[in-house]
Amino acid sequence: MHRIRILVDGRLAALRDAVYAAVADQADMVVVGDTVREVETLMQAGDTSAEVVVVGASDERLPPVVERLADEYPGIGILVVDLERDKGFAYQLRPMVTQIDRISGPALVAAIRQLATEHDA
């Protein structure tokens, strides 16, 4: 069985914990690492062959690491999560960005699956 490879930008402990909890019982997902600095996130995305990278946001703009990831790894899925605003965005180089209106374990899992599915397409 193919397992979706997830990298977590773990600078926000609450987000890291939420992702680990959300995917813990998902047989088709595995967290391949978490990072604490942007440069580590960029390097580990390639080194771990991550299909989805989860990053935190603190305002409604995409963090700079998102565009850097998309530039370096055009097929990668990026899930941007703002826990304070309870919103997230599934980002990928494609003509559409999907908004997530309420962050929960099932919402994180669904967004990760969507990004990985589009990565494989």
C-alpha atoms as a PDB file:
ATOM      1  CA  MET A   1       0.000   0.000   0.000  1.00  0.00           C
ATOM      2  CA  HIS A   2       1.253   3.454  -0.910  1.00  0.00           C
ATOM      3  CA  ARG A   3       1.688   5.699   2.124  1.00  0.00           C
ATOM      4  CA  ILE A   4       1.438   9.464   1.720  1.00  0.00           C
ATOM      5  CA  ARG A   5       4.745  10.970   2.879  1.00  0.00           C
ATOM      6  CA  ILE A   6       4.171  14.062   5.044  1.00  0.00           C
ATOM      7  CA  LEU A   7       6.751  16.593   6.224  1.00  0.00           C
ATOM      8  CA  VAL A   8       5.720  18.950   9.031  1.00  0.00           C
ATOM      9  CA  ASP A   9       7.214  22.404   9.419  1.00  0.00           C
ATOM     10  CA  GLY A  10       7.216  22.033  13.181  1.00  0.00           C
ATOM     11  CA  ARG A  11       8.038  25.578  14.237  1.00  0.00           C
ATOM     12  CA  LEU A  12       4.581  25.728  15.801  1.00  0.00           C
ATOM     13  CA  ALA A  13       4.358  22.927  18.368  1.00  0.00           C
ATOM     14  CA  ALA A  14       0.547  22.996  18.376  1.00  0.00           C
ATOM     15  CA  LEU A  15       0.444  22.440  14.608  1.00  0.00           C
ATOM     16  CA  ARG A  16       3.047  19.676  14.765  1.00  0.00           C
ATOM     17  CA  ASP A  17       1.048  17.946  17.504  1.00  0.00           C
ATOM     18  CA  ALA A  18      -2.224  18.379  15.555  1.00  0.00           C
ATOM     19  CA  VAL A  19      -0.774  16.787  12.414  1.00  0.00           C
ATOM     20  CA  TYR A  20       0.779  13.874  14.296  1.00  0.00           C
ATOM     21  CA  ALA A  21      -2.533  13.269  16.088  1.00  0.00           C
ATOM     22  CA  ALA A  22      -4.570  13.592  12.872  1.00  0.00           C
ATOM     23  CA  VAL A  23      -2.531  11.050  10.919  1.00  0.00           C
ATOM     24  CA  ALA A  24      -1.658   8.655  13.764  1.00  0.00           C
ATOM     25  CA  ASP A  25      -4.380   6.157  12.867  1.00  0.00           C
ATOM     26  CA  GLN A  26      -4.250   6.676   9.094  1.00  0.00           C
ATOM     27  CA  ALA A  27      -2.729   3.570   7.523  1.00  0.00           C
ATOM     28  CA  ASP A  28      -2.092   5.385   4.243  1.00  0.00           C
ATOM     29  CA  MET A  29      -0.098   8.272   5.788  1.00  0.00           C
ATOM     30  CA  VAL A  30       3.303   8.607   7.433  1.00  0.00           C
ATOM     31  CA  VAL A  31       5.066  11.649   8.851  1.00  0.00           C
ATOM     32  CA  VAL A  32       8.593  11.446   7.460  1.00  0.00           C
ATOM     33  CA  GLY A  33       9.962  14.321   9.535  1.00  0.00           C
ATOM     34  CA  ASP A  34       9.444  17.653  11.144  1.00  0.00           C
ATOM     35  CA  THR A  35      11.624  20.714  11.001  1.00  0.00           C
ATOM     36  CA  VAL A  36      12.185  23.866  13.019  1.00  0.00           C
ATOM     37  CA  ARG A  37      13.760  26.163  10.427  1.00  0.00           C
ATOM     38  CA  GLU A  38      12.744  27.152   6.915  1.00  0.00           C
ATOM     39  CA  VAL A  39      16.005  25.950   5.370  1.00  0.00           C
ATOM     40  CA  GLU A  40      15.490  22.531   6.991  1.00  0.00           C
ATOM     41  CA  THR A  41      11.984  22.383   5.573  1.00  0.00           C
ATOM     42  CA  LEU A  42      13.297  23.095   2.075  1.00  0.00           C
ATOM     43  CA  MET A  43      16.070  20.505   2.356  1.00  0.00           C
ATOM     44  CA  GLN A  44      13.984  17.801   4.042  1.00  0.00           C
ATOM     45  CA  ALA A  45      11.173  18.138   1.491  1.00  0.00           C
ATOM     46  CA  GLY A  46      13.525  16.707  -1.110  1.00  0.00           C
ATOM     47  CA  ASP A  47      15.550  14.414   1.128  1.00  0.00           C
ATOM     48  CA  THR A  48      12.436  12.660   2.459  1.00  0.00           C
ATOM     49  CA  SER A  49      10.562  12.622  -0.885  1.00  0.00           C
ATOM     50  CA  ALA A  50       7.632  14.268   0.909  1.00  0.00           C
ATOM     51  CA  GLU A  51       4.420  14.452  -1.094  1.00  0.00           C
ATOM     52  CA  VAL A  52       2.784  16.948   1.263  1.00  0.00           C
ATOM     53  CA  VAL A  53       4.398  19.583   3.486  1.00  0.00           C
ATOM     54  CA  VAL A  54       2.326  21.075   6.303  1.00  0.00           C
ATOM     55  CA  VAL A  55       3.300  24.620   7.317  1.00  0.00           C
ATOM     56  CA  GLY A  56       1.879  27.049   9.831  1.00  0.00           C
ATOM     57  CA  ALA A  57       0.615  30.526   9.086  1.00  0.00           C
ATOM     58  CA  SER A  58      -0.070  33.434  11.378  1.00  0.00           C
ATOM     59  CA  ASP A  59      -1.954  35.703   8.999  1.00  0.00           C
ATOM     60  CA  GLU A  60      -3.916  35.338   5.809  1.00  0.00           C
ATOM     61  CA  ARG A  61      -0.864  35.536   3.557  1.00  0.00           C
ATOM     62  CA  LEU A  62       1.060  32.490   2.435  1.00  0.00           C
ATOM     63  CA  PRO A  63       4.332  32.129   4.348  1.00  0.00           C
ATOM     64  CA  PRO A  64       7.443  32.690   2.176  1.00  0.00           C
ATOM     65  CA  VAL A  65       8.447  29.025   2.526  1.00  0.00           C
ATOM     66  CA  VAL A  66       5.355  28.044   0.501  1.00  0.00           C
ATOM     67  CA  GLU A  67       6.534  29.751  -2.679  1.00  0.00           C
ATOM     68  CA  ARG A  68      10.063  28.476  -2.143  1.00  0.00           C
ATOM     69  CA  LEU A  69       8.764  24.911  -1.783  1.00  0.00           C
ATOM     70  CA  ALA A  70       6.597  25.278  -4.889  1.00  0.00           C
ATOM     71  CA  ASP A  71       9.552  26.675  -6.858  1.00  0.00           C
ATOM     72  CA  GLU A  72      11.909  23.896  -5.766  1.00  0.00           C
ATOM     73  CA  TYR A  73       9.398  21.007  -5.842  1.00  0.00           C
ATOM     74  CA  PRO A  74       6.631  21.908  -8.330  1.00  0.00           C
ATOM     75  CA  GLY A  75       4.585  18.743  -7.782  1.00  0.00           C
ATOM     76  CA  ILE A  76       4.520  18.891  -3.997  1.00  0.00           C
ATOM     77  CA  GLY A  77       1.327  19.588  -2.071  1.00  0.00           C
ATOM     78  CA  ILE A  78       1.507  22.242   0.636  1.00  0.00           C
ATOM     79  CA  LEU A  79      -1.046  22.471   3.416  1.00  0.00           C
ATOM     80  CA  VAL A  80      -0.960  25.905   5.071  1.00  0.00           C
ATOM     81  CA  VAL A  81      -2.696  25.913   8.468  1.00  0.00           C
ATOM     82  CA  ASP A  82      -3.580  28.902  10.637  1.00  0.00           C
ATOM     83  CA  LEU A  83      -4.689  27.414  13.955  1.00  0.00           C
ATOM     84  CA  GLU A  84      -5.554  30.813  15.482  1.00  0.00           C
ATOM     85  CA  ARG A  85      -8.026  31.603  12.697  1.00  0.00           C
ATOM     86  CA  ASP A  86      -9.104  27.940  12.401  1.00  0.00           C
ATOM     87  CA  LYS A  87      -8.477  27.986   8.630  1.00  0.00           C
ATOM     88  CA  GLY A  88      -6.174  26.353   6.165  1.00  0.00           C
ATOM     89  CA  PHE A  89      -5.313  26.274   2.494  1.00  0.00           C
ATOM     90  CA  ALA A  90      -4.272  23.365   0.315  1.00  0.00           C
ATOM     91  CA  TYR A  91      -1.722  24.863  -2.070  1.00  0.00           C
ATOM     92  CA  GLN A  92      -0.233  23.335  -5.164  1.00  0.00           C
ATOM     93  CA  LEU A  93       0.980  24.654  -8.490  1.00  0.00           C
ATOM     94  CA  ARG A  94      -2.340  24.360 -10.235  1.00  0.00           C
ATOM     95  CA  PRO A  95      -5.027  26.825 -11.219  1.00  0.00           C
ATOM     96  CA  MET A  96      -6.935  26.523  -7.930  1.00  0.00           C
ATOM     97  CA  VAL A  97      -6.326  26.950  -4.191  1.00  0.00           C
ATOM     98  CA  THR A  98      -8.719  25.120  -1.857  1.00  0.00           C
ATOM     99  CA  GLN A  99      -9.740  26.803   1.389  1.00  0.00           C
ATOM    100  CA  ILE A 100     -10.407  24.839   4.570  1.00  0.00           C
ATOM    101  CA  ASP A 101     -12.865  26.638   6.803  1.00  0.00           C
ATOM    102  CA  ARG A 102     -12.544  24.667  10.051  1.00  0.00           C
ATOM    103  CA  ILE A 103      -9.346  22.969  11.111  1.00  0.00           C
ATOM    104  CA  SER A 104      -9.822  19.541  12.672  1.00  0.00           C
ATOM    105  CA  GLY A 105      -8.097  16.184  12.510  1.00  0.00           C
ATOM    106  CA  PRO A 106     -10.435  14.920   9.769  1.00  0.00           C
ATOM    107  CA  ALA A 107     -10.064  18.203   7.827  1.00  0.00           C
ATOM    108  CA  LEU A 108      -6.253  17.908   7.946  1.00  0.00           C
ATOM    109  CA  VAL A 109      -6.418  14.263   6.800  1.00  0.00           C
ATOM    110  CA  ALA A 110      -8.795  15.106   3.923  1.00  0.00           C
ATOM    111  CA  ALA A 111      -6.590  17.978   2.731  1.00  0.00           C
ATOM    112  CA  ILE A 112      -3.450  15.813   2.876  1.00  0.00           C
ATOM    113  CA  ARG A 113      -5.176  13.098   0.832  1.00  0.00           C
ATOM    114  CA  GLN A 114      -6.378  15.642  -1.725  1.00  0.00           C
ATOM    115  CA  LEU A 115      -2.883  17.079  -2.179  1.00  0.00           C
ATOM    116  CA  ALA A 116      -1.249  13.645  -2.414  1.00  0.00           C
ATOM    117  CA  THR A 117      -3.845  12.460  -4.949  1.00  0.00           C
ATOM    118  CA  GLU A 118      -3.181  15.472  -7.141  1.00  0.00           C
ATOM    119  CA  HIS A 119       0.581  14.897  -6.702  1.00  0.00           C
ATOM    120  CA  ASP A 120       0.191  11.378  -8.127  1.00  0.00           C
ATOM    121  CA  ALA A 121      -2.045  12.496 -11.033  1.00  0.00           C
END
